[in-house]
Protein backbone atom coordinates (compact mmCIF):
# COMPACT_ATOMS: atom_id res chain seq x y z
CA MET A 1 -8.15 25.00 -10.17
CA LYS A 2 -8.08 22.37 -7.41
CA PHE A 3 -6.35 18.99 -7.33
CA GLN A 4 -7.41 15.61 -5.93
CA SER A 5 -5.93 12.17 -5.34
CA THR A 6 -6.01 9.52 -8.06
CA ARG A 7 -7.36 7.13 -5.44
CA ASP A 8 -10.18 9.12 -3.86
CA SER A 9 -12.02 12.04 -5.46
CA LYS A 10 -14.03 12.62 -2.25
CA GLN A 11 -11.01 13.61 -0.20
CA GLU A 12 -10.06 17.21 0.47
CA LYS A 13 -8.99 19.09 -2.64
CA PHE A 14 -5.94 21.34 -2.76
CA THR A 15 -4.54 24.33 -4.63
CA SER A 16 -1.57 23.94 -6.95
CA ALA A 17 0.79 25.52 -4.39
CA GLN A 18 -0.40 23.01 -1.79
CA VAL A 19 0.12 19.98 -4.05
CA ILE A 20 3.55 21.19 -5.19
CA ARG A 21 4.51 21.48 -1.52
CA LYS A 22 2.97 18.12 -0.56
CA GLY A 23 4.16 15.99 -3.49
CA LEU A 24 2.05 12.89 -2.75
CA ALA A 25 -1.55 12.71 -1.59
CA ASP A 26 -2.12 11.52 1.97
CA ASP A 27 -3.55 8.20 0.74
CA GLY A 28 -0.47 7.47 -1.36
CA GLY A 29 -2.14 8.54 -4.59
CA LEU A 30 -0.91 11.12 -7.08
CA PHE A 31 -2.48 14.52 -7.53
CA VAL A 32 -4.50 15.24 -10.67
CA PRO A 33 -6.49 18.34 -11.66
CA GLU A 34 -10.21 18.08 -10.95
CA SER A 35 -10.87 19.36 -14.47
CA ILE A 36 -8.89 19.82 -17.67
CA PRO A 37 -8.60 23.40 -18.98
CA ALA A 38 -9.31 23.97 -22.67
CA LEU A 39 -6.77 25.17 -25.21
CA THR A 40 -8.46 26.77 -28.23
CA HIS A 41 -7.17 27.30 -31.77
CA ASP A 42 -7.15 31.05 -31.16
CA GLU A 43 -4.96 30.56 -28.11
CA ILE A 44 -2.60 28.29 -30.03
CA LYS A 45 -2.35 30.94 -32.74
CA THR A 46 -1.37 33.50 -30.10
CA LEU A 47 1.18 31.10 -28.61
CA CYS A 48 2.79 30.70 -32.05
CA GLY A 49 4.05 34.26 -31.77
CA MET A 50 5.68 33.71 -28.38
CA GLU A 51 9.06 32.50 -27.15
CA TYR A 52 9.23 29.23 -25.22
CA ALA A 53 9.25 30.92 -21.79
CA GLN A 54 6.11 32.87 -22.65
CA ARG A 55 4.38 29.73 -23.91
CA ALA A 56 5.32 27.95 -20.68
CA ALA A 57 3.97 30.72 -18.46
CA TYR A 58 0.68 30.74 -20.38
CA ILE A 59 0.12 26.96 -20.24
CA LEU A 60 1.18 26.67 -16.60
CA GLY A 61 -1.21 29.49 -15.76
CA LYS A 62 -4.12 27.29 -16.80
CA TYR A 63 -3.28 24.85 -14.01
CA LEU A 64 -1.43 26.91 -11.40
CA THR A 65 -4.24 29.40 -10.92
CA ASP A 66 -3.04 30.55 -7.49
CA TYR A 67 0.14 31.88 -9.14
CA THR A 68 -0.06 35.19 -10.99
CA HIS A 69 0.90 35.46 -14.65
CA GLU A 70 3.66 37.85 -13.66
CA GLU A 71 5.10 35.32 -11.20
CA LEU A 72 5.02 32.52 -13.76
CA LEU A 73 6.48 34.68 -16.53
CA THR A 74 9.32 35.81 -14.27
CA ASP A 75 10.12 32.24 -13.23
CA CYS A 76 9.84 30.81 -16.74
CA SER A 77 12.02 33.57 -18.21
CA GLU A 78 14.72 32.81 -15.65
CA ALA A 79 14.40 29.04 -16.03
CA TYR A 80 14.55 28.97 -19.84
CA SER A 81 17.08 31.72 -20.40
CA GLU A 82 19.61 31.50 -23.21
CA THR A 83 22.43 31.12 -20.69
CA SER A 84 20.83 27.95 -19.26
CA PHE A 85 19.49 26.56 -22.54
CA VAL A 86 22.13 27.27 -25.12
CA GLY A 87 20.62 26.99 -28.57
CA GLY A 88 17.03 27.18 -27.35
CA ALA A 89 14.85 25.27 -24.93
CA ALA A 90 13.16 22.75 -27.24
CA PRO A 91 14.22 23.02 -30.90
CA LEU A 92 12.73 20.75 -33.59
CA HIS A 93 14.96 18.88 -36.04
CA LYS A 94 13.71 17.06 -39.11
CA ILE A 95 15.37 13.63 -39.30
CA GLY A 96 13.20 11.93 -41.94
CA ASP A 97 10.00 12.14 -43.95
CA ASN A 98 7.45 13.63 -41.55
CA MET A 99 9.68 12.69 -38.62
CA TYR A 100 11.09 15.26 -36.18
CA THR A 101 13.01 15.19 -32.92
CA GLN A 102 12.28 17.79 -30.27
CA GLU A 103 15.60 18.20 -28.49
CA LEU A 104 14.80 18.75 -24.83
CA TRP A 105 18.36 18.40 -23.53
CA HIS A 106 20.02 21.76 -24.14
CA GLY A 107 19.88 22.74 -20.45
CA PRO A 108 22.48 22.78 -17.65
CA THR A 109 22.70 18.97 -17.19
CA ALA A 110 22.24 17.93 -20.87
CA ALA A 111 19.03 15.96 -20.20
CA PHE A 112 15.33 16.68 -20.69
CA LYS A 113 14.76 16.69 -16.93
CA ASP A 114 16.18 20.23 -16.93
CA MET A 115 13.05 21.40 -18.74
CA ALA A 116 10.97 20.76 -15.61
CA LEU A 117 13.63 20.95 -12.92
CA GLN A 118 14.79 24.45 -13.76
CA ILE A 119 11.28 25.80 -13.21
CA MET A 120 10.07 23.47 -10.43
CA PRO A 121 12.34 24.82 -7.63
CA ARG A 122 11.04 28.30 -8.37
CA LEU A 123 7.46 27.05 -8.16
CA LEU A 124 8.18 25.29 -4.86
CA SER A 125 9.88 28.35 -3.38
CA ARG A 126 6.77 30.40 -4.12
CA ALA A 127 4.53 27.58 -2.85
CA LEU A 128 6.23 27.63 0.56
CA LYS A 129 5.46 31.32 0.88
CA LYS A 130 1.90 30.97 -0.45
CA THR A 131 1.09 28.20 2.03
CA GLY A 132 2.81 29.84 5.01
CA GLU A 133 5.25 26.96 5.44
CA LYS A 134 8.04 27.74 7.94
CA ARG A 135 9.83 24.38 7.90
CA LYS A 136 12.48 23.36 5.41
CA ALA A 137 11.44 21.23 2.47
CA LEU A 138 13.53 18.05 2.27
CA ILE A 139 13.34 16.85 -1.32
CA LEU A 140 13.73 13.08 -1.72
CA VAL A 141 14.60 11.78 -5.18
CA ALA A 142 14.98 8.28 -6.55
CA THR A 143 16.74 8.44 -9.90
CA SER A 144 17.69 6.18 -12.76
CA GLY A 145 20.20 8.81 -13.80
CA ASP A 146 19.04 12.10 -15.29
CA THR A 147 16.46 13.23 -12.73
CA GLY A 148 19.01 13.14 -9.93
CA LYS A 149 21.50 15.52 -11.49
CA ALA A 150 18.81 17.83 -12.87
CA ALA A 151 17.12 18.04 -9.46
CA LEU A 152 20.43 18.61 -7.67
CA GLU A 153 21.30 21.41 -10.06
CA GLY A 154 17.82 22.93 -9.91
CA TYR A 155 17.61 22.93 -6.09
CA ARG A 156 21.25 23.75 -5.39
CA ASP A 157 21.42 26.35 -2.59
CA VAL A 158 17.71 27.24 -2.94
CA ASP A 159 16.53 28.91 0.26
CA GLN A 160 14.42 26.79 2.66
CA VAL A 161 15.09 23.62 0.67
CA CYS A 162 17.55 20.71 0.86
CA ILE A 163 17.71 17.65 -1.38
CA SER A 164 18.83 14.03 -1.02
CA VAL A 165 19.19 11.84 -4.14
CA PHE A 166 19.37 8.03 -4.25
CA TYR A 167 20.54 6.12 -7.31
CA PRO A 168 21.18 2.41 -8.09
CA VAL A 169 24.92 1.84 -7.72
CA ASN A 170 25.20 -0.11 -10.99
CA GLY A 171 22.15 1.32 -12.73
CA VAL A 172 23.34 4.66 -14.10
CA SER A 173 25.97 5.54 -16.67
CA LYS A 174 29.46 6.57 -15.56
CA ILE A 175 28.80 10.10 -16.79
CA GLN A 176 25.48 10.33 -14.94
CA LYS A 177 27.20 9.11 -11.78
CA MET A 178 30.05 11.61 -12.15
CA GLN A 179 27.58 14.44 -12.63
CA MET A 180 25.85 13.55 -9.36
CA VAL A 181 28.77 12.69 -7.09
CA THR A 182 30.61 15.92 -8.01
CA GLN A 183 27.55 18.12 -7.42
CA LEU A 184 28.21 21.47 -5.76
CA GLY A 185 25.95 23.05 -3.15
CA GLU A 186 25.65 23.16 0.63
CA ASN A 187 22.12 21.74 0.71
CA VAL A 188 22.63 18.59 -1.36
CA ASN A 189 23.25 14.90 -0.62
CA VAL A 190 23.86 11.98 -3.00
CA CYS A 191 23.86 8.32 -2.01
CA ALA A 192 24.03 5.08 -4.02
CA ILE A 193 21.98 2.02 -3.09
CA HIS A 194 22.52 -1.69 -3.59
CA GLY A 195 19.69 -2.57 -5.98
CA ASN A 196 17.95 -1.16 -9.04
CA PHE A 197 15.88 1.96 -9.65
CA ASP A 198 12.66 0.29 -8.51
CA ASP A 199 14.33 -0.52 -5.18
CA ALA A 200 15.31 3.13 -4.81
CA GLN A 201 11.86 4.37 -5.79
CA THR A 202 10.10 1.91 -3.47
CA GLY A 203 12.37 2.93 -0.60
CA VAL A 204 11.64 6.61 -1.14
CA LYS A 205 7.89 5.95 -1.35
CA LYS A 206 8.04 4.03 1.95
CA ILE A 207 9.58 7.03 3.64
CA PHE A 208 6.83 9.28 2.27
CA ALA A 209 4.21 6.87 3.64
CA ASP A 210 5.89 6.51 7.07
CA SER A 211 4.08 8.69 9.61
CA ASP A 212 6.77 8.07 12.20
CA ALA A 213 9.42 9.31 9.76
CA ALA A 214 7.34 12.42 9.11
CA LYS A 215 7.13 13.03 12.85
CA GLN A 216 10.89 12.65 13.33
CA LEU A 217 11.59 15.04 10.47
CA ASP A 218 8.99 17.52 11.71
CA GLU A 219 10.75 17.62 15.08
CA LYS A 220 13.95 18.48 13.23
CA GLY A 221 12.15 21.28 11.32
CA PHE A 222 11.61 19.49 7.97
CA PHE A 223 8.81 18.18 5.82
CA LEU A 224 9.15 15.86 2.84
CA SER A 225 8.53 16.74 -0.78
CA SER A 226 9.44 15.17 -4.11
CA ALA A 227 11.15 16.25 -7.33
CA ASN A 228 10.20 13.10 -9.21
CA SER A 229 7.43 13.34 -11.78
CA ILE A 230 4.98 12.07 -9.17
CA ASN A 231 4.98 15.73 -8.06
CA TRP A 232 2.57 17.86 -10.07
CA GLY A 233 5.07 20.73 -10.10
CA ARG A 234 7.44 18.50 -12.04
CA LEU A 235 4.84 17.08 -14.43
CA ALA A 236 2.95 20.24 -15.40
CA PRO A 237 5.91 21.93 -17.18
CA GLN A 238 6.19 18.91 -19.45
CA ILE A 239 2.80 19.69 -21.02
CA VAL A 240 4.42 22.73 -22.58
CA TYR A 241 6.79 20.63 -24.76
CA TYR A 242 4.00 19.38 -26.95
CA VAL A 243 2.17 22.67 -27.24
CA SER A 244 5.44 24.31 -28.25
CA ALA A 245 6.20 21.56 -30.79
CA TYR A 246 2.81 22.09 -32.42
CA CYS A 247 3.37 25.84 -32.57
CA ASP A 248 6.73 25.25 -34.25
CA LEU A 249 5.17 22.88 -36.80
CA LEU A 250 2.57 25.54 -37.58
CA ASN A 251 5.17 28.30 -37.82
CA GLN A 252 7.28 26.37 -40.32
CA GLY A 253 4.26 25.49 -42.44
CA THR A 254 4.38 21.74 -41.83
CA LEU A 255 0.82 21.80 -40.47
CA GLU A 256 -2.26 23.96 -40.81
CA MET A 257 -4.23 24.89 -37.69
CA GLY A 258 -6.28 21.92 -36.52
CA GLU A 259 -4.28 19.28 -38.38
CA ILE A 260 -3.01 16.51 -36.12
CA PHE A 261 0.47 15.27 -35.30
CA ASN A 262 1.66 12.12 -33.53
CA VAL A 263 4.04 11.94 -30.58
CA CYS A 264 6.58 9.28 -29.58
CA VAL A 265 8.22 9.34 -26.15
CA PRO A 266 10.98 7.11 -24.71
CA THR A 267 9.23 6.08 -21.55
CA GLY A 268 10.27 4.96 -18.08
CA ASN A 269 8.16 6.46 -15.31
CA PHE A 270 5.38 7.50 -17.75
CA GLY A 271 5.43 11.18 -16.76
CA ASN A 272 6.58 12.68 -20.05
CA ILE A 273 4.10 10.79 -22.22
CA PHE A 274 1.30 11.41 -19.72
CA ALA A 275 1.99 15.14 -20.08
CA ALA A 276 1.42 14.72 -23.82
CA TYR A 277 -1.88 12.98 -23.03
CA LEU A 278 -2.94 15.96 -20.90
CA ALA A 279 -2.09 18.29 -23.77
CA LYS A 280 -4.34 16.19 -25.99
CA LEU A 281 -7.16 16.33 -23.44
CA MET A 282 -6.80 20.11 -23.41
CA GLY A 283 -7.48 20.21 -27.15
CA LEU A 284 -4.03 20.01 -28.72
CA PRO A 285 -4.59 17.98 -31.92
CA ILE A 286 -2.41 14.97 -31.11
CA GLY A 287 -3.31 11.76 -32.91
CA LYS A 288 -1.46 8.77 -31.48
CA LEU A 289 0.77 8.66 -28.41
CA ILE A 290 3.51 6.11 -29.09
CA CYS A 291 5.05 4.71 -25.92
CA ALA A 292 8.63 3.58 -26.62
CA SER A 293 10.31 1.09 -24.27
CA ASN A 294 13.67 -0.63 -24.15
CA LYS A 295 14.22 -4.30 -23.25
CA ASN A 296 12.34 -3.65 -19.99
CA ASN A 297 9.16 -3.60 -22.06
CA ILE A 298 6.58 -3.79 -19.29
CA LEU A 299 4.65 -0.83 -20.71
CA THR A 300 4.60 -2.34 -24.20
CA ASP A 301 3.12 -5.53 -22.76
CA PHE A 302 0.56 -3.56 -20.75
CA LEU A 303 -0.59 -1.54 -23.74
CA GLN A 304 -0.89 -4.69 -25.84
CA THR A 305 -2.52 -7.00 -23.26
CA GLY A 306 -4.06 -4.85 -20.53
CA THR A 307 -1.99 -6.68 -17.87
CA TYR A 308 0.71 -4.87 -15.93
CA ASP A 309 3.06 -7.41 -14.35
CA ARG A 310 6.36 -6.40 -12.76
CA ASN A 311 7.14 -10.01 -11.83
CA ARG A 312 9.72 -10.35 -14.58
CA GLN A 313 13.42 -10.19 -15.22
CA PHE A 314 14.98 -6.76 -14.84
CA HIS A 315 17.49 -5.77 -17.52
CA LEU A 316 20.34 -3.27 -17.31
CA THR A 317 20.49 -1.59 -20.71
CA MET A 318 22.34 1.18 -22.51
CA SER A 319 19.23 3.36 -21.96
CA PRO A 320 19.25 3.25 -18.13
CA SER A 321 16.72 6.04 -17.55
CA MET A 322 14.14 3.60 -18.93
CA ASP A 323 15.25 0.63 -16.82
CA ILE A 324 12.08 0.73 -14.75
CA LEU A 325 9.45 -1.89 -13.87
CA ILE A 326 7.18 0.33 -11.74
CA SER A 327 6.00 3.25 -13.89
CA SER A 328 4.46 5.48 -11.25
CA ASN A 329 2.71 7.98 -13.51
CA LEU A 330 0.70 5.24 -15.18
CA GLU A 331 -1.54 5.60 -12.14
CA ARG A 332 -2.61 9.00 -13.42
CA LEU A 333 -3.67 7.52 -16.76
CA LEU A 334 -5.62 4.80 -14.93
CA TYR A 335 -7.47 7.52 -13.02
CA PHE A 336 -8.67 9.13 -16.24
CA ALA A 337 -9.53 5.79 -17.84
CA ALA A 338 -11.00 3.93 -14.87
CA GLY A 339 -11.78 6.41 -12.09
CA PRO A 340 -10.41 6.65 -8.53
CA GLU A 341 -12.01 3.55 -6.98
CA GLN A 342 -10.72 1.18 -9.64
CA THR A 343 -7.35 2.90 -9.69
CA LYS A 344 -7.01 2.34 -5.95
CA ALA A 345 -7.83 -1.35 -6.44
CA TYR A 346 -5.25 -1.66 -9.24
CA MET A 347 -2.57 -0.06 -7.05
CA GLN A 348 -3.42 -2.34 -4.14
CA SER A 349 -3.09 -5.35 -6.42
CA LEU A 350 0.23 -4.06 -7.75
CA ASN A 351 1.52 -3.63 -4.20
CA GLN A 352 0.32 -7.04 -3.04
CA THR A 353 0.90 -9.25 -6.08
CA GLY A 354 3.05 -7.16 -8.43
CA ALA A 355 0.39 -7.19 -11.13
CA TYR A 356 -3.09 -6.08 -12.20
CA THR A 357 -5.27 -6.41 -15.28
CA VAL A 358 -7.57 -3.63 -16.47
CA SER A 359 -11.06 -4.31 -17.76
CA ASN A 360 -11.82 -4.46 -21.48
CA ALA A 361 -13.63 -1.14 -21.23
CA VAL A 362 -10.61 0.55 -19.63
CA LYS A 363 -8.24 -0.98 -22.18
CA GLU A 364 -10.40 0.31 -25.04
CA LYS A 365 -10.20 3.83 -23.62
CA ILE A 366 -6.40 3.61 -23.39
CA ASP A 367 -6.11 2.03 -26.86
CA ALA A 368 -7.90 5.03 -28.36
CA ASP A 369 -4.88 7.20 -27.59
CA PHE A 370 -1.87 4.98 -26.89
CA CYS A 371 0.16 2.25 -28.54
CA GLY A 372 3.43 0.66 -27.47
CA TYR A 373 6.58 -0.64 -29.14
CA TYR A 374 10.04 -1.54 -27.87
CA ALA A 375 13.64 -1.78 -29.05
CA ASP A 376 16.26 -4.25 -27.86
CA GLU A 377 19.94 -3.38 -27.51
CA GLN A 378 20.88 -4.37 -31.05
CA GLN A 379 18.02 -2.40 -32.57
CA THR A 380 18.95 0.63 -30.48
CA ALA A 381 22.57 0.48 -31.65
CA GLN A 382 21.57 -0.01 -35.29
CA THR A 383 19.33 3.05 -35.11
CA ILE A 384 22.13 5.22 -33.72
CA ARG A 385 24.46 4.09 -36.49
CA LYS A 386 21.87 4.51 -39.25
CA TYR A 387 21.02 8.11 -38.38
CA GLN A 388 24.60 9.15 -37.66
CA GLU A 389 25.49 8.04 -41.18
CA ASN A 390 22.83 10.50 -42.35
CA GLY A 391 24.28 13.30 -40.23
CA TYR A 392 22.18 13.13 -37.05
CA LEU A 393 23.71 11.94 -33.77
CA MET A 394 21.33 10.76 -31.03
CA ASP A 395 21.60 9.22 -27.58
CA THR A 396 20.47 5.72 -26.63
CA HIS A 397 17.05 6.76 -25.26
CA THR A 398 16.18 8.85 -28.30
CA ALA A 399 17.28 5.92 -30.48
CA VAL A 400 14.75 3.66 -28.74
CA ALA A 401 12.01 6.16 -29.57
CA VAL A 402 13.17 6.59 -33.17
CA TYR A 403 13.19 2.82 -33.72
CA CYS A 404 9.71 2.52 -32.19
CA SER A 405 8.50 5.37 -34.39
CA GLU A 406 9.74 3.49 -37.42
CA GLN A 407 7.90 0.37 -36.25
CA TYR A 408 4.72 2.39 -35.83
CA LEU A 409 5.04 3.85 -39.33
CA GLU A 410 5.71 0.41 -40.80
CA SER A 411 2.58 -0.95 -39.11
CA ASN A 412 0.50 2.08 -40.14
CA GLN A 413 1.69 2.88 -43.65
CA ASP A 414 -1.39 4.97 -44.43
CA ASP A 415 -0.58 7.35 -41.56
CA LYS A 416 1.28 10.29 -43.11
CA THR A 417 0.87 12.45 -40.01
CA PRO A 418 3.98 14.37 -38.87
CA LEU A 419 5.56 12.60 -35.91
CA VAL A 420 7.44 14.40 -33.13
CA ILE A 421 9.88 12.32 -31.09
CA ALA A 422 10.95 13.50 -27.64
CA SER A 423 14.75 13.53 -27.67
CA THR A 424 15.59 13.24 -24.01
CA ALA A 425 19.37 13.41 -23.60
CA SER A 426 22.55 14.52 -25.27
CA PRO A 427 24.42 11.63 -26.92
CA TYR A 428 27.40 12.68 -24.80
CA LYS A 429 25.58 11.61 -21.61
CA PHE A 430 26.01 8.05 -22.89
CA ALA A 431 29.11 8.57 -25.01
CA ALA A 432 30.62 5.09 -24.54
CA ASP A 433 27.46 3.28 -25.63
CA VAL A 434 26.88 5.67 -28.52
CA TYR A 435 30.50 5.30 -29.65
CA THR A 436 30.25 1.50 -29.43
CA SER A 437 26.96 1.59 -31.35
CA LEU A 438 28.82 3.31 -34.17
CA GLY A 439 31.03 0.22 -34.47
CA MET A 440 34.01 1.53 -32.50
CA ASP A 441 35.73 0.12 -29.42
CA ALA A 442 35.06 2.36 -26.46
CA PRO A 443 37.79 2.73 -23.80
CA GLU A 444 37.15 1.58 -20.24
CA ASP A 445 37.15 5.21 -19.13
CA ALA A 446 33.70 6.46 -20.18
CA LEU A 447 34.85 10.07 -20.02
CA LYS A 448 37.47 9.46 -22.72
CA SER A 449 34.67 8.23 -24.96
CA GLN A 450 33.27 11.76 -25.06
CA GLN A 451 36.32 13.13 -26.82
CA LEU A 452 36.53 10.12 -29.13
CA LEU A 453 32.88 10.53 -30.05
CA SER A 454 33.41 14.22 -30.72
CA ASP A 455 36.44 13.54 -32.91
CA TYR A 456 34.69 10.75 -34.83
CA THR A 457 31.44 12.58 -35.53
CA GLY A 458 32.64 16.18 -35.72
CA THR A 459 30.11 17.25 -33.07
CA GLN A 460 30.75 19.24 -29.90
CA ILE A 461 30.60 18.06 -26.31
CA PRO A 462 27.83 20.13 -24.67
CA TYR A 463 28.96 22.71 -22.15
CA PRO A 464 27.61 20.95 -18.98
CA LEU A 465 29.79 17.89 -19.64
CA VAL A 466 33.09 19.59 -20.48
CA GLY A 467 35.75 18.87 -17.83
CA LEU A 468 33.56 16.47 -15.88
CA GLY A 469 36.45 14.15 -15.01
CA GLU A 470 38.39 16.98 -13.39
CA ARG A 471 35.72 17.76 -10.77
CA ALA A 472 36.17 16.61 -7.17
CA VAL A 473 34.05 13.68 -5.96
CA ARG A 474 32.02 14.76 -2.92
CA PHE A 475 29.72 11.77 -2.40
CA ASP A 476 30.84 8.13 -2.36
CA LYS A 477 28.46 6.42 0.07
CA THR A 478 26.44 3.28 -0.75
CA VAL A 479 23.68 1.85 1.47
CA HIS A 480 21.13 -0.95 1.29
CA ALA A 481 17.57 -0.12 0.25
CA ASP A 482 16.30 -0.63 3.80
CA GLN A 483 18.72 2.02 5.12
CA LEU A 484 17.32 4.98 3.22
CA LEU A 485 15.46 6.48 6.18
CA GLU A 486 18.58 6.29 8.33
CA GLU A 487 20.49 8.18 5.63
CA VAL A 488 17.73 10.77 5.26
CA LEU A 489 17.67 11.46 9.01
CA ARG A 490 21.47 11.73 9.07
CA PHE A 491 21.38 14.28 6.26
CA ALA A 492 18.59 16.24 7.95
CA ASP A 493 20.79 16.60 11.04
CA THR A 494 23.51 18.19 8.89
CA GLN A 495 21.00 20.70 7.50
CA SER A 496 19.34 21.71 10.78
């Protein structure tokens, strides 16, 4: 299996180890597989008898063909162990008629990003050896909250790797911030920026595209790589969620082999829902892919109109991981719908004008698989309260997806297909907003809200968040978005 850029299929093609090491293509595009491997009913039947780690190793092996099955099974078994994922890696919970959540947040940082970022460092470590790389990998991460902590935890003290995370100073929850600024490890750095997530992401992308920066880092013994979902090594493990969900639906008798199910994903950078699209292309019988957005509903507008326009007001919401106006992984979908030349033109237009409009033919291709809905703050809060009254507590991002799922079902009342909703974070990551959504007055100290929420609902604070307020703050620096390179070079000097 080889990989190519979304912007030029005639460029050199690379192995999976090479693209995991590189992160971005040289032309600024994202890496995609040159072909999609098939997943047959017989294979799905075999996967039904496996644990999650075994399923992950099998699916990853279809794309990472320069890794042996033994290597992948070893890494997946370590990544998805019971000690890291208490209660299982991706359990399904029925929350309504034909409606299920797949809880992806039982890992060491209580967010779904753990599902990819516990395995990705292991894949990168092997990639450095497979490609003969002698320099240190300097991982740059722009985060709207969960990716940062999950990446820091995943790469903490990994040999031949160091990691620097940038987050918007007022764009993450207090708990997300505390998780990052108290991070342990000798090879980690955390820095806030003045601005929003898009400013952080744009700043990181500029560094990746800066040849002079690459030269300076090379002289210091480093090369750049990414832990965001623009990196194939981060995106590929997400395909497994949906295969595993289908296996679980089959095992419990909800579906018969070949029957379809729908998927709803709370969406920011478009990586998680694109992984579901890849699973569908492989042959997994997914019907509709429901893209759920919060008040920053740029993706909803795109799916409805065919125009992507980031020239709009940016909203800070109670679901901050979705407060994004530049959804990078949408470029991968454009590649499959429009081809590399048109994708390159769309990205140039986005960079120059902040907008692009796809052709009718491209929109029809996307419409065949995707639809979009969004939830405002009031609708999100009402959803949290409604389901808690029925005994199920969810976080703000999951609530957006549940509300959008309900809107889809209301608009498609003849669709009785089982619907799996990606539940992306523990409610305790956003305890103050969840507690307020339940009609209570949250204290100013967000950490106190965790205990109040636990007492009120009779649920337990997950192990990664216990005692968070007692940990020492290690990182308290804030810089402007145009100072990211300076900060990266400073950190590299400390790691030389």
